[in-house]
Structures are given as structure tokens and as C-alpha cells.
Amino acid sequence: MEDSSPILVLKEINYHINNSETKLEILNNIDLSVNATTSMAITGPSGSGKSSLLSIMAGLLLPTSGAVYFQ
């Protein structure tokens, strides 16, 4: 039997950018759990935060708040 414990967990991930006039929310309260044998696709329209989410998952970008756990 394979171990089904997640290798990547995102808890309440938020990411926003502050410019001089406004706060732009890119990701809002994202929860995600990925098992080792999981195949997944992240889809959505342009500007919806896909690249930001992938960058946070890869550890290239720090979320504004929330936690990323990697086995």
C-alpha cells in the first residue's frame, strides 16, 4: 500500500501587492494538499494568479500570509 500523506500543503495562502494607490489581491485564502502520486493542472484566465501560486509552491515567492509545508 502506498503512503497517501501529502508532500506539499498550502494553508490559508494569501498574496497581495501594494502599489502606491491600491492593494492588489492576487491569491486569497488558498488551501491545497498534494500527494506524491497526484497529477494536477492549474488552469484559469490570464491574470488569475496561476504563476504566483506555482512560484509559492516552488518556494520562489513568499506568501503575504499563510503557510507552506513541504515534506
N, C-alpha and C. Protein backbone atom coordinates (compact mmCIF):
# COMPACT_ATOMS: atom_id res chain seq x y z
N MET A 1 0.84 -1.18 0.00
CA MET A 1 0.00 0.00 0.00
C MET A 1 0.89 1.25 0.00
N GLU A 2 0.52 2.21 -0.84
CA GLU A 2 1.30 3.44 -0.94
C GLU A 2 0.95 4.41 0.19
N ASP A 3 1.92 5.20 0.58
CA ASP A 3 1.71 6.23 1.58
C ASP A 3 0.93 7.37 0.93
N SER A 4 -0.20 7.73 1.51
CA SER A 4 -1.02 8.78 0.91
C SER A 4 -0.89 10.12 1.64
N SER A 5 0.16 10.27 2.45
CA SER A 5 0.34 11.54 3.12
C SER A 5 0.83 12.59 2.13
N PRO A 6 0.38 13.82 2.28
CA PRO A 6 0.75 14.86 1.31
C PRO A 6 2.23 15.24 1.39
N ILE A 7 2.80 15.57 0.23
CA ILE A 7 4.18 16.05 0.19
C ILE A 7 4.24 17.58 0.15
N LEU A 8 3.11 18.20 -0.16
CA LEU A 8 3.02 19.66 -0.21
C LEU A 8 1.67 20.08 0.32
N VAL A 9 1.68 20.99 1.29
CA VAL A 9 0.43 21.50 1.87
C VAL A 9 0.51 23.02 1.92
N LEU A 10 -0.51 23.67 1.41
CA LEU A 10 -0.66 25.12 1.50
C LEU A 10 -1.85 25.41 2.40
N LYS A 11 -1.66 26.25 3.40
CA LYS A 11 -2.71 26.60 4.35
C LYS A 11 -2.96 28.10 4.33
N GLU A 12 -4.16 28.48 3.98
CA GLU A 12 -4.61 29.88 4.02
C GLU A 12 -3.60 30.82 3.37
N ILE A 13 -3.18 30.49 2.16
CA ILE A 13 -2.21 31.31 1.43
C ILE A 13 -2.87 32.56 0.89
N ASN A 14 -2.29 33.69 1.21
CA ASN A 14 -2.70 34.98 0.67
C ASN A 14 -1.46 35.62 0.06
N TYR A 15 -1.68 36.30 -1.06
CA TYR A 15 -0.59 37.03 -1.68
C TYR A 15 -1.16 38.30 -2.27
N HIS A 16 -0.59 39.42 -1.90
CA HIS A 16 -1.03 40.68 -2.48
C HIS A 16 0.16 41.59 -2.74
N ILE A 17 -0.07 42.53 -3.61
CA ILE A 17 0.94 43.51 -4.00
C ILE A 17 0.40 44.89 -3.65
N ASN A 18 1.21 45.68 -2.98
CA ASN A 18 0.84 47.07 -2.68
C ASN A 18 1.55 47.98 -3.66
N ASN A 19 0.77 48.75 -4.40
CA ASN A 19 1.41 49.81 -5.18
C ASN A 19 1.09 51.13 -4.50
N SER A 20 1.42 52.21 -5.09
CA SER A 20 1.29 53.50 -4.41
C SER A 20 -0.16 53.87 -4.10
N GLU A 21 -1.12 53.30 -4.81
CA GLU A 21 -2.52 53.70 -4.63
C GLU A 21 -3.42 52.61 -4.05
N THR A 22 -3.18 51.35 -4.41
CA THR A 22 -4.10 50.29 -4.02
C THR A 22 -3.38 49.02 -3.62
N LYS A 23 -4.13 48.13 -3.00
CA LYS A 23 -3.64 46.79 -2.68
C LYS A 23 -4.28 45.84 -3.68
N LEU A 24 -3.46 45.13 -4.43
CA LEU A 24 -3.95 44.18 -5.43
C LEU A 24 -3.86 42.78 -4.86
N GLU A 25 -5.01 42.14 -4.62
CA GLU A 25 -5.04 40.78 -4.10
C GLU A 25 -4.86 39.79 -5.24
N ILE A 26 -3.79 39.00 -5.18
CA ILE A 26 -3.50 38.02 -6.21
C ILE A 26 -4.08 36.67 -5.81
N LEU A 27 -3.81 36.22 -4.58
CA LEU A 27 -4.34 34.96 -4.06
C LEU A 27 -5.04 35.24 -2.74
N ASN A 28 -6.17 34.59 -2.51
CA ASN A 28 -6.97 34.85 -1.32
C ASN A 28 -7.39 33.53 -0.66
N ASN A 29 -6.79 33.21 0.50
CA ASN A 29 -7.14 32.04 1.31
C ASN A 29 -7.12 30.73 0.52
N ILE A 30 -5.99 30.41 -0.06
CA ILE A 30 -5.83 29.18 -0.82
C ILE A 30 -5.40 28.05 0.12
N ASP A 31 -6.14 26.95 0.09
CA ASP A 31 -5.77 25.72 0.79
C ASP A 31 -5.58 24.64 -0.27
N LEU A 32 -4.47 23.91 -0.18
CA LEU A 32 -4.17 22.89 -1.17
C LEU A 32 -3.31 21.81 -0.53
N SER A 33 -3.59 20.57 -0.87
CA SER A 33 -2.80 19.44 -0.39
C SER A 33 -2.49 18.56 -1.60
N VAL A 34 -1.21 18.23 -1.80
CA VAL A 34 -0.79 17.44 -2.96
C VAL A 34 -0.07 16.19 -2.49
N ASN A 35 -0.57 15.03 -2.90
CA ASN A 35 0.08 13.76 -2.60
C ASN A 35 1.14 13.46 -3.65
N ALA A 36 2.07 12.58 -3.32
CA ALA A 36 3.20 12.27 -4.19
C ALA A 36 2.75 11.69 -5.53
N THR A 37 1.68 10.96 -5.56
CA THR A 37 1.24 10.30 -6.80
C THR A 37 0.20 11.10 -7.56
N THR A 38 -0.04 12.33 -7.14
CA THR A 38 -1.08 13.15 -7.75
C THR A 38 -0.58 13.86 -9.01
N SER A 39 -1.40 13.81 -10.04
CA SER A 39 -1.19 14.64 -11.23
C SER A 39 -2.25 15.72 -11.18
N MET A 40 -1.85 16.94 -11.46
CA MET A 40 -2.82 18.03 -11.41
C MET A 40 -2.49 19.08 -12.45
N ALA A 41 -3.49 19.89 -12.76
CA ALA A 41 -3.31 21.01 -13.67
C ALA A 41 -3.88 22.25 -12.99
N ILE A 42 -3.19 23.35 -13.15
CA ILE A 42 -3.68 24.63 -12.63
C ILE A 42 -4.08 25.46 -13.83
N THR A 43 -5.37 25.74 -13.94
CA THR A 43 -5.89 26.45 -15.09
C THR A 43 -6.64 27.69 -14.64
N GLY A 44 -6.82 28.60 -15.55
CA GLY A 44 -7.58 29.82 -15.27
C GLY A 44 -7.22 30.89 -16.28
N PRO A 45 -7.99 31.94 -16.27
CA PRO A 45 -7.73 33.02 -17.23
C PRO A 45 -6.43 33.77 -16.91
N SER A 46 -5.96 34.50 -17.87
CA SER A 46 -4.77 35.32 -17.71
C SER A 46 -4.96 36.29 -16.55
N GLY A 47 -3.96 36.37 -15.68
CA GLY A 47 -4.02 37.30 -14.56
C GLY A 47 -4.73 36.77 -13.34
N SER A 48 -5.05 35.47 -13.31
CA SER A 48 -5.80 34.92 -12.18
C SER A 48 -4.93 34.43 -11.04
N GLY A 49 -3.59 34.44 -11.18
CA GLY A 49 -2.70 34.08 -10.09
C GLY A 49 -2.03 32.72 -10.22
N LYS A 50 -2.14 32.09 -11.38
CA LYS A 50 -1.55 30.76 -11.58
C LYS A 50 -0.04 30.77 -11.37
N SER A 51 0.65 31.69 -11.98
CA SER A 51 2.12 31.76 -11.86
C SER A 51 2.54 32.12 -10.44
N SER A 52 1.79 32.99 -9.79
CA SER A 52 2.10 33.33 -8.40
C SER A 52 1.93 32.11 -7.51
N LEU A 53 0.87 31.35 -7.73
CA LEU A 53 0.64 30.14 -6.94
C LEU A 53 1.77 29.12 -7.16
N LEU A 54 2.15 28.90 -8.41
CA LEU A 54 3.24 27.97 -8.70
C LEU A 54 4.55 28.44 -8.10
N SER A 55 4.81 29.74 -8.13
CA SER A 55 6.03 30.28 -7.53
C SER A 55 6.07 30.08 -6.03
N ILE A 56 4.92 30.24 -5.38
CA ILE A 56 4.84 30.00 -3.94
C ILE A 56 5.02 28.51 -3.65
N MET A 57 4.41 27.66 -4.45
CA MET A 57 4.55 26.21 -4.26
C MET A 57 6.00 25.77 -4.42
N ALA A 58 6.74 26.42 -5.30
CA ALA A 58 8.13 26.06 -5.57
C ALA A 58 9.10 26.72 -4.58
N GLY A 59 8.61 27.61 -3.75
CA GLY A 59 9.47 28.30 -2.80
C GLY A 59 10.22 29.48 -3.38
N LEU A 60 9.82 29.91 -4.55
CA LEU A 60 10.48 31.05 -5.20
C LEU A 60 9.90 32.39 -4.76
N LEU A 61 8.70 32.35 -4.20
CA LEU A 61 7.99 33.56 -3.79
C LEU A 61 7.39 33.29 -2.42
N LEU A 62 7.51 34.23 -1.51
CA LEU A 62 6.92 34.10 -0.18
C LEU A 62 5.49 34.66 -0.19
N PRO A 63 4.56 33.93 0.42
CA PRO A 63 3.21 34.46 0.51
C PRO A 63 3.15 35.64 1.47
N THR A 64 2.15 36.50 1.29
CA THR A 64 1.94 37.60 2.23
C THR A 64 1.56 37.04 3.60
N SER A 65 0.73 36.01 3.61
CA SER A 65 0.38 35.31 4.85
C SER A 65 0.01 33.87 4.51
N GLY A 66 -0.01 33.04 5.53
CA GLY A 66 -0.30 31.63 5.34
C GLY A 66 0.98 30.82 5.50
N ALA A 67 0.86 29.51 5.27
CA ALA A 67 1.99 28.62 5.48
C ALA A 67 2.09 27.59 4.35
N VAL A 68 3.34 27.27 4.00
CA VAL A 68 3.64 26.24 3.02
C VAL A 68 4.46 25.18 3.71
N TYR A 69 3.99 23.94 3.64
CA TYR A 69 4.70 22.81 4.24
C TYR A 69 5.13 21.87 3.13
N PHE A 70 6.41 21.54 3.12
CA PHE A 70 6.97 20.63 2.11
C PHE A 70 7.68 19.51 2.84
N GLN A 71 7.37 18.28 2.44
CA GLN A 71 7.98 17.12 3.11
C GLN A 71 9.46 17.10 2.92
